[in-house]
Amino acid sequence: MNKMNFDFSKLNQPIIIYELKTDSDNGMPSKPRKVVFHECFAHVESISLKDYETSVQTGTQHNMKVFIRNYPGITNKMTITHNNQDYNIEQILTNYRQSGFTVLIAKEVSNA
């Protein structure tokens, strides 16, 4: 198996993972609210300059990879906040290459 070695000192970016909770008031659903699911330090990678043109063509220029220690229960219905910017989790790679890390692929939420 292709086991990945990872430098733990790279986990230096604070992130917050939120899940969206919907409450109902007298049977009427309310707007979903963000509830903290997990706070941790992560290694965050965005698109490099040399790959930017290709990422524009494939529509992934606003994606980032977030490396965290394995944590159960994360789903693609959750969001990440990093540097006051929100990202929707698109894909979850649990125990990536048997490293003990989970890789979250997330896309920037538009402010428009």
C-alpha atoms as a PDB file:
ATOM      1  CA  MET A   1       0.000   0.000   0.000  1.00  0.00           C
ATOM      2  CA  ASN A   2       1.062   3.556  -0.681  1.00  0.00           C
ATOM      3  CA  LYS A   3       1.412   5.032   2.801  1.00  0.00           C
ATOM      4  CA  MET A   4       1.727   8.808   3.063  1.00  0.00           C
ATOM      5  CA  ASN A   5       4.123  10.466   5.506  1.00  0.00           C
ATOM      6  CA  PHE A   6       2.947  13.819   6.788  1.00  0.00           C
ATOM      7  CA  ASP A   7       4.724  16.500   8.809  1.00  0.00           C
ATOM      8  CA  PHE A   8       2.503  17.285  11.821  1.00  0.00           C
ATOM      9  CA  SER A   9       4.091  20.739  12.155  1.00  0.00           C
ATOM     10  CA  LYS A  10       2.184  21.768   9.015  1.00  0.00           C
ATOM     11  CA  LEU A  11      -1.079  21.699  11.005  1.00  0.00           C
ATOM     12  CA  ASN A  12      -0.887  25.415  11.779  1.00  0.00           C
ATOM     13  CA  GLN A  13      -4.072  26.936  10.309  1.00  0.00           C
ATOM     14  CA  PRO A  14      -7.110  27.161  12.614  1.00  0.00           C
ATOM     15  CA  ILE A  15     -10.370  26.032  11.020  1.00  0.00           C
ATOM     16  CA  ILE A  16     -13.919  25.521  12.243  1.00  0.00           C
ATOM     17  CA  ILE A  17     -16.214  22.873  10.793  1.00  0.00           C
ATOM     18  CA  TYR A  18     -19.920  23.655  11.089  1.00  0.00           C
ATOM     19  CA  GLU A  19     -22.989  21.541  10.590  1.00  0.00           C
ATOM     20  CA  LEU A  20     -26.262  23.172   9.602  1.00  0.00           C
ATOM     21  CA  LYS A  21     -29.138  22.632  12.035  1.00  0.00           C
ATOM     22  CA  THR A  22     -32.739  23.386  11.177  1.00  0.00           C
ATOM     23  CA  ASP A  23     -35.225  24.009  13.949  1.00  0.00           C
ATOM     24  CA  SER A  24     -38.968  24.187  13.553  1.00  0.00           C
ATOM     25  CA  ASP A  25     -41.254  26.677  15.228  1.00  0.00           C
ATOM     26  CA  ASN A  26     -44.850  25.388  15.445  1.00  0.00           C
ATOM     27  CA  GLY A  27     -44.218  23.111  12.460  1.00  0.00           C
ATOM     28  CA  MET A  28     -42.641  25.871  10.333  1.00  0.00           C
ATOM     29  CA  PRO A  29     -38.986  25.152   9.524  1.00  0.00           C
ATOM     30  CA  SER A  30     -36.604  27.991  10.266  1.00  0.00           C
ATOM     31  CA  LYS A  31     -33.531  29.055   8.338  1.00  0.00           C
ATOM     32  CA  PRO A  32     -30.650  26.634   8.998  1.00  0.00           C
ATOM     33  CA  ARG A  33     -28.132  27.881  11.558  1.00  0.00           C
ATOM     34  CA  LYS A  34     -24.465  26.994  11.817  1.00  0.00           C
ATOM     35  CA  VAL A  35     -23.473  24.913  14.854  1.00  0.00           C
ATOM     36  CA  VAL A  36     -19.808  24.197  15.603  1.00  0.00           C
ATOM     37  CA  PHE A  37     -19.084  20.517  14.916  1.00  0.00           C
ATOM     38  CA  HIS A  38     -15.275  20.531  15.279  1.00  0.00           C
ATOM     39  CA  GLU A  39     -12.478  23.081  15.776  1.00  0.00           C
ATOM     40  CA  CYS A  40      -8.918  22.107  14.946  1.00  0.00           C
ATOM     41  CA  PHE A  41      -5.655  23.061  13.289  1.00  0.00           C
ATOM     42  CA  ALA A  42      -5.204  22.033   9.676  1.00  0.00           C
ATOM     43  CA  HIS A  43      -2.846  22.223   6.735  1.00  0.00           C
ATOM     44  CA  VAL A  44      -4.616  24.168   3.976  1.00  0.00           C
ATOM     45  CA  GLU A  45      -3.563  24.071   0.319  1.00  0.00           C
ATOM     46  CA  SER A  46      -5.078  26.238  -2.386  1.00  0.00           C
ATOM     47  CA  ILE A  47      -4.420  26.205  -6.126  1.00  0.00           C
ATOM     48  CA  SER A  48      -0.821  27.048  -7.015  1.00  0.00           C
ATOM     49  CA  LEU A  49      -0.074  29.746  -9.584  1.00  0.00           C
ATOM     50  CA  LYS A  50       1.297  27.242 -12.084  1.00  0.00           C
ATOM     51  CA  ASP A  51      -1.969  25.243 -11.899  1.00  0.00           C
ATOM     52  CA  TYR A  52      -4.322  28.236 -11.886  1.00  0.00           C
ATOM     53  CA  GLU A  53      -5.036  28.352 -15.630  1.00  0.00           C
ATOM     54  CA  THR A  54      -5.884  24.652 -15.703  1.00  0.00           C
ATOM     55  CA  SER A  55      -8.087  25.041 -12.620  1.00  0.00           C
ATOM     56  CA  VAL A  56     -10.036  27.860 -14.308  1.00  0.00           C
ATOM     57  CA  GLN A  57     -10.735  25.561 -17.256  1.00  0.00           C
ATOM     58  CA  THR A  58     -12.004  22.815 -14.942  1.00  0.00           C
ATOM     59  CA  GLY A  59     -13.857  25.182 -12.604  1.00  0.00           C
ATOM     60  CA  THR A  60     -11.820  24.324  -9.518  1.00  0.00           C
ATOM     61  CA  GLN A  61      -9.985  27.632  -9.001  1.00  0.00           C
ATOM     62  CA  HIS A  62     -11.953  28.302  -5.789  1.00  0.00           C
ATOM     63  CA  ASN A  63     -11.275  24.874  -4.262  1.00  0.00           C
ATOM     64  CA  MET A  64      -8.893  24.085  -1.434  1.00  0.00           C
ATOM     65  CA  LYS A  65      -7.595  20.951   0.251  1.00  0.00           C
ATOM     66  CA  VAL A  66      -7.741  20.800   4.028  1.00  0.00           C
ATOM     67  CA  PHE A  67      -5.671  18.157   5.831  1.00  0.00           C
ATOM     68  CA  ILE A  68      -6.808  17.340   9.386  1.00  0.00           C
ATOM     69  CA  ARG A  69      -6.318  14.437  11.757  1.00  0.00           C
ATOM     70  CA  ASN A  70      -8.999  11.788  11.286  1.00  0.00           C
ATOM     71  CA  TYR A  71     -12.224  12.867  12.950  1.00  0.00           C
ATOM     72  CA  PRO A  72     -15.428  10.817  12.665  1.00  0.00           C
ATOM     73  CA  GLY A  73     -18.755  12.164  11.486  1.00  0.00           C
ATOM     74  CA  ILE A  74     -17.710  14.819   8.954  1.00  0.00           C
ATOM     75  CA  THR A  75     -20.081  14.941   5.973  1.00  0.00           C
ATOM     76  CA  ASN A  76     -20.339  16.886   2.743  1.00  0.00           C
ATOM     77  CA  LYS A  77     -23.346  18.735   4.166  1.00  0.00           C
ATOM     78  CA  MET A  78     -20.999  20.689   6.455  1.00  0.00           C
ATOM     79  CA  THR A  79     -19.061  23.913   5.950  1.00  0.00           C
ATOM     80  CA  ILE A  80     -15.565  25.087   6.898  1.00  0.00           C
ATOM     81  CA  THR A  81     -14.545  28.562   8.005  1.00  0.00           C
ATOM     82  CA  HIS A  82     -10.910  29.494   7.367  1.00  0.00           C
ATOM     83  CA  ASN A  83      -9.594  33.088   7.543  1.00  0.00           C
ATOM     84  CA  ASN A  84     -13.174  34.406   7.859  1.00  0.00           C
ATOM     85  CA  GLN A  85     -14.150  32.773   4.541  1.00  0.00           C
ATOM     86  CA  ASP A  86     -16.737  29.988   4.275  1.00  0.00           C
ATOM     87  CA  TYR A  87     -16.242  26.856   2.187  1.00  0.00           C
ATOM     88  CA  ASN A  88     -18.666  24.035   1.390  1.00  0.00           C
ATOM     89  CA  ILE A  89     -17.221  20.544   1.835  1.00  0.00           C
ATOM     90  CA  GLU A  90     -17.414  18.795  -1.534  1.00  0.00           C
ATOM     91  CA  GLN A  91     -15.464  15.581  -0.897  1.00  0.00           C
ATOM     92  CA  ILE A  92     -14.026  13.716   2.090  1.00  0.00           C
ATOM     93  CA  LEU A  93     -11.042  11.366   1.818  1.00  0.00           C
ATOM     94  CA  THR A  94     -10.913   9.565   5.182  1.00  0.00           C
ATOM     95  CA  ASN A  95      -7.596   8.069   6.377  1.00  0.00           C
ATOM     96  CA  TYR A  96      -5.951   9.243   3.157  1.00  0.00           C
ATOM     97  CA  ARG A  97      -3.313   6.710   2.105  1.00  0.00           C
ATOM     98  CA  GLN A  98      -3.408   5.185   5.599  1.00  0.00           C
ATOM     99  CA  SER A  99      -1.879   8.343   7.056  1.00  0.00           C
ATOM    100  CA  GLY A 100      -4.248   8.970   9.953  1.00  0.00           C
ATOM    101  CA  PHE A 101      -5.378  12.134   8.176  1.00  0.00           C
ATOM    102  CA  THR A 102      -8.580  13.133   6.472  1.00  0.00           C
ATOM    103  CA  VAL A 103      -8.467  15.346   3.392  1.00  0.00           C
ATOM    104  CA  LEU A 104     -11.425  17.654   2.857  1.00  0.00           C
ATOM    105  CA  ILE A 105     -11.934  19.131  -0.599  1.00  0.00           C
ATOM    106  CA  ALA A 106     -13.897  22.344  -0.164  1.00  0.00           C
ATOM    107  CA  LYS A 107     -15.183  25.077  -2.458  1.00  0.00           C
ATOM    108  CA  GLU A 108     -15.362  28.764  -1.577  1.00  0.00           C
ATOM    109  CA  VAL A 109     -18.843  30.105  -0.883  1.00  0.00           C
ATOM    110  CA  SER A 110     -19.558  33.127  -3.064  1.00  0.00           C
ATOM    111  CA  ASN A 111     -20.253  36.391  -1.279  1.00  0.00           C
ATOM    112  CA  ALA A 112     -22.352  37.665  -4.173  1.00  0.00           C
END
